[in-house]
Structures are given as structure tokens and as C-alpha cells.
């Protein structure tokens, strides 16, 4: 009897040991590994900058993180390492990220460092030869959100083109794409290209900004097919399935993860009469208008950080709150269709920029024709499939 008890105890211990080891292994495998940005891997790019006259394309997101999750700005960090920074190029919203969407940003002098800031979202979108004179190398380090009409990728493309034409290499310090887990939306037609969409890609393209730079070169999308000498400092511990919460808002009206995730669908409202939360603290997490049917949910847009003159300023807007919606892995156009249906006849819904935001004429035509979201999404699939074949050639990460 004692032997039987010992026998059972032995195998019970073995059984629970196996369960414990499996659980520990599973927990370790699923433990969230910290993503290391390209900027944080200084050992890979500092040697490439030593003794060079350097220009940096940067904004408020261009930081190097410390162990305690605090950070220093890239410009400050490189100056402390005695890198010879000649000037800074700034994108939409400016070097400190405080300008409104679409607002022209003038050249300036950075008060902290004394460096000249040359705007690439003012009179000039593409750096001129004069702006690049005396520059040996350019560092591009700006956080993207993976949506075609978010203009940082256009700034990068034009800077690559200018650099190629002037034989200047570029280092792209890669950063995670918070919308990198899916590819979706209407594909841009080249006849509708603009600064809010330069290349024939779906609205959400599922690539990091480093991968995108390689694709721009590889597909000969730069003017006259010029090739830019690009070096990408890749991320560590990142895949396209990784979740990443941005520690710094990438622009004034994308304050949090929810707004970034909803932005692909609600960004269409930029080309319409509808307010998408600008002038509130829930930008791109709600939409509304004074002429919508009266509901319990309402808000009044007022001037604030990033929106000096929001649509329907000071007017009570009735609408829809999306701030508690589940995380999306698609471009949701149901809000766009809903808002169109709620807009009274005689009220102009579509604005002058809607077509360039959509990248084609078809989306407007489909909405006006009363097509369902499912039918509209189905019409995107052929182009998405073709793009995915192109995209696959340039992916750095799984």
C-alpha cells in the first residue's frame, strides 16, 4: 500500500512539474519584449555621422529612450556626442509639433540649440539644392502612423528625391507602425496624387517608415527613377503583429492609441463638412454636426491645441462617440456612410479635398450611389492583393 502511494506521489509530482514548466515557458514566450527603435541603436549610426556635416529631419517624436522610459531629443543627444549638425528639416506641424494640420510652417531658429530649422511644410515641400548645400548626410527620424494621407511619408519621399538628385545619403531610423498589423482601404490612382498621397498604395499599407523608404526606391517612385542611397537602422523585437503605444503624440490631433487606430476611417472627414472631434480632447474618436438628428451624445468644438479654427466652432454638434469601440484591423467606413445619410439634402457633404484624401473618385461615387460598406470594401480587394505582392518584397519584419 505504501509503495502504491509513493508511486502515485512520484507521478503526481512529475505531472505538476511538467505543468509548471509548461506554464512558465508559455509565460516567457508571451512576455512582452521591449521594442528597440532605430534611434536607440546609436552604435549602428553614430560612426556613420562622425566627421560629417549632418542635417536631421525631425519633430517632437524624434527621441532616444532611456532605461526609465524618459527620453532625450535626437538633436540634443547627437549634439552631446559632438555630431556636427548643420540644420534641421521639419515636417507638417513643425519641429515641436504644435502647428495645426495643413498649416504652413515657416523657417525658424531653434531657441534651445540655435540650429536653423528649414520647413518642408511651408512654401517648400521638397528641399532645394540651396537647402542641401554643404550637407554630407541626412538623418530621417519621424514617427509615422501608417496611413497614406498622414504626410510624413510624403515628406520623406520628397527628401529622398532631393537627396538622390544631390548625391546625399540618408539614414532612416526606423520606428514601429501602430497601424502596421493590416493593409486596407482604397488604393490611390496616380492622377489624384498630391502631398496627402504621392504613391499608388492602399490607405493603410502595413509597413514601417523604413520599409516604406526601401519600397519607394525599389519601385522607382522617385522623379525620373532616381535612386536614393538609403540606410535603414531596423527595429529590434518588432513584428507587424506587435502592439505599440506611442509615448509621444505624433501630431496635435492624435492624442492616444484610440485616435490613431480610428484615424484611417475618420480621417476621411477631413475632406467633408463633418467635424471629427477637432476642437475637443477626443480628436478622431467622435464625429458630429449641428444638423445631425438630436441625440444624448453631443459636444461643442472650441479652439484648442492643434485646432485654432475647428469646424462648427462654438456650435452644439450631435453625433457618435467611438472612444470605447474595439480595436480595429480594418478601415471602417461605416461612420462616413452614416454621416452622409444624416446630412440634409442641400447641405454640401463632400469638400474640395475629399478626392485626394480618398485617392480616387470612386469612393465618393460609391457613397452617393448608396453602396453598403461591405460592397465598397469588396471593391478594394483586387488592388490590395496586387499591392501586397509589391509590399512583400520590401518587408524587413514578419
Foldseek 3Di string as FASTA:
>chain_A
DVVVVVVVVVVVVVVVVVVVVVVVVVCVVPPDDDKAWLLQPCVVPVVVQPPFAEEEAAAQQQWHADPVRDTDHSVVVVVVVVRRYQAYEYEPCGRHQFAAVLDADCWDADPVPRHTYHYCRHPHVADDVVNCPRGAEYEYEAFDQQFQQPQPLLSVLRPQLRCLVVVHAYEYTWDDHQLLQAAAAAFADCVLADSSHHDGGGRGHNAISLLVLVLCLVVLSHPPSGHHRYHYSHMPPDASVDHDWRPCQSHQQQHTSLQSQLCSQLVLQVQWLKFQQAQHPQHNQWIWDLQFPDDPDKDARDADRNRNDTRNHRHITDTDGRSPPDGDNYRDNPRVLVVVVRDDPVDGTGHPCSCSSNNHPVVVVCSVVPHDPVVVRVVRPVSNVVSVVSSVVRHPHD
